[in-house]
Structure formats: C-alpha cells, structure tokens
C-alpha cells in the first residue's frame, strides 16, 4: 500500500491519520540525516585523536560550541517528530479497532 492509495473498508479519517503518520516518519528520517551530519561535523572538528605537541601549553580543543548547539536542535526535532508519528499510528490503530467492533 502506498501513501496515497485508498484502501476499501478503511474509513477516510483513519486513512488520513495513516498518511499523516507516514509523512511524519519521512520528516523524522530527514531530521535524523541532518542531525547525524551535524554531529559528524562536530566530531570531526573535535579531533580527540590528535595528541598535543609536547611544547604546547594549549589544551586540546573541545570543538566548536556553535556546531554542538546546532546539532541538538535537529536531534530534538527528530525525536519529537518520530514520537508524534508513533502517536498517529497508534490513534489510527485504535480507530480501526473501534471501526471493526462497530461495523
């Protein structure tokens, strides 16, 4: 079943819940890709594997704080979007159960 396909026997409001949940799942996947990219950028700039020069008194850099803060935003958006899609799937499942009992 594709996202836009109508299924006979399932009410239109339940189908709309399922379509919305699938769209939110795709949005969560896109947010996850963005978050992983930003986390990779932060980790690459962190460079914990580079030992300091023995004559340097400068401690190891901790990575750009701005990239770290930026990476947190899509991470939270990923989690929130994914949880919301799961809630919509659960609501559609409950509606289907109620529809099956009443029909």
Protein backbone atom coordinates (compact mmCIF):
# COMPACT_ATOMS: atom_id res chain seq x y z
CA UNK A 1 0.00 0.00 0.00
CA UNK A 2 1.43 3.36 -0.97
CA UNK A 3 0.96 6.57 0.99
CA UNK A 4 -1.72 7.97 -1.35
CA UNK A 5 -3.58 4.75 -2.09
CA UNK A 6 -7.15 4.35 -0.86
CA UNK A 7 -7.99 1.05 0.79
CA UNK A 8 -11.57 -0.19 0.66
CA UNK A 9 -13.09 -0.91 4.01
CA UNK A 10 -10.98 1.60 5.97
CA UNK A 11 -12.68 4.89 6.87
CA UNK A 12 -11.30 8.04 5.25
CA UNK A 13 -10.36 9.63 8.60
CA UNK A 14 -8.25 6.60 9.53
CA UNK A 15 -6.58 6.67 6.14
CA UNK A 16 -5.79 10.35 6.69
CA UNK A 17 -4.21 9.52 10.06
CA UNK A 18 -2.08 6.84 8.41
CA UNK A 19 -0.99 9.18 5.60
CA UNK A 20 -0.06 11.87 8.13
CA UNK A 21 1.89 9.37 10.21
CA UNK A 22 3.82 8.18 7.15
CA UNK A 23 4.65 11.78 6.19
CA UNK A 24 5.87 12.44 9.72
CA UNK A 25 8.02 9.31 9.60
CA UNK A 26 9.68 10.60 6.45
CA UNK A 27 10.19 14.00 8.08
CA UNK A 28 11.75 12.30 11.12
CA UNK A 29 14.12 10.42 8.81
CA UNK A 30 15.16 13.68 7.13
CA UNK A 31 15.70 15.35 10.50
CA UNK A 32 17.82 12.35 11.54
CA UNK A 33 20.03 12.73 8.46
CA UNK A 34 20.54 16.43 9.22
CA UNK A 35 21.28 15.66 12.88
CA UNK A 36 23.77 12.93 12.01
CA UNK A 37 25.52 15.27 9.59
CA UNK A 38 25.85 17.97 12.22
CA UNK A 39 27.03 15.53 14.85
CA UNK A 40 29.64 14.20 12.40
CA UNK A 41 30.77 17.76 11.67
CA UNK A 42 31.13 18.46 15.40
CA UNK A 43 33.01 15.22 16.00
CA UNK A 44 35.34 15.89 13.05
CA UNK A 45 36.15 19.34 14.42
CA UNK A 46 36.66 17.89 17.91
CA UNK A 47 39.68 15.80 16.82
CA UNK A 48 40.27 13.91 20.08
CA UNK A 49 42.79 11.61 18.39
CA UNK A 50 45.35 14.34 17.70
CA UNK A 51 47.88 14.44 20.51
CA UNK A 52 49.08 17.90 21.52
CA UNK A 53 52.61 18.94 20.74
CA UNK A 54 54.87 18.48 23.81
CA UNK A 55 55.88 22.16 23.78
CA UNK A 56 52.30 23.48 23.52
CA UNK A 57 50.61 24.70 26.68
CA UNK A 58 47.27 24.95 24.88
CA UNK A 59 44.78 22.21 25.88
CA UNK A 60 43.02 20.13 23.26
CA UNK A 61 40.21 21.99 21.51
CA UNK A 62 36.75 20.95 22.60
CA UNK A 63 35.08 21.55 19.25
CA UNK A 64 33.00 24.48 18.20
CA UNK A 65 30.22 25.03 20.70
CA UNK A 66 28.01 26.56 18.00
CA UNK A 67 28.02 23.35 15.96
CA UNK A 68 27.21 21.38 19.11
CA UNK A 69 24.28 23.66 19.88
CA UNK A 70 23.16 23.44 16.27
CA UNK A 71 23.31 19.63 16.35
CA UNK A 72 20.98 19.49 19.34
CA UNK A 73 18.11 21.21 17.51
CA UNK A 74 17.59 18.61 14.74
CA UNK A 75 18.20 15.82 17.26
CA UNK A 76 15.29 17.05 19.37
CA UNK A 77 13.19 17.62 16.24
CA UNK A 78 13.91 14.03 15.15
CA UNK A 79 12.77 12.63 18.46
CA UNK A 80 9.65 14.79 18.65
CA UNK A 81 8.62 14.09 15.05
CA UNK A 82 9.16 10.36 15.44
CA UNK A 83 7.16 10.20 18.67
CA UNK A 84 4.33 12.20 17.08
CA UNK A 85 4.23 9.80 14.10
CA UNK A 86 4.03 6.86 16.51
CA UNK A 87 1.11 8.57 18.30
CA UNK A 88 -0.71 9.00 14.97
CA UNK A 89 -0.12 5.34 14.09
CA UNK A 90 -1.48 4.34 17.49
CA UNK A 91 -4.56 6.55 17.03
CA UNK A 92 -5.21 5.03 13.61
CA UNK A 93 -4.88 1.56 15.10
CA UNK A 94 -7.37 2.41 17.88
CA UNK A 95 -9.79 3.89 15.35
CA UNK A 96 -9.53 0.77 13.21
CA UNK A 97 -10.29 -1.37 16.25
CA UNK A 98 -13.29 0.75 17.12
CA UNK A 99 -14.44 0.67 13.48
CA UNK A 100 -14.11 -3.13 13.40
CA UNK A 101 -16.20 -3.57 16.54
CA UNK A 102 -18.96 -1.21 15.44
CA UNK A 103 -19.16 -2.45 11.84
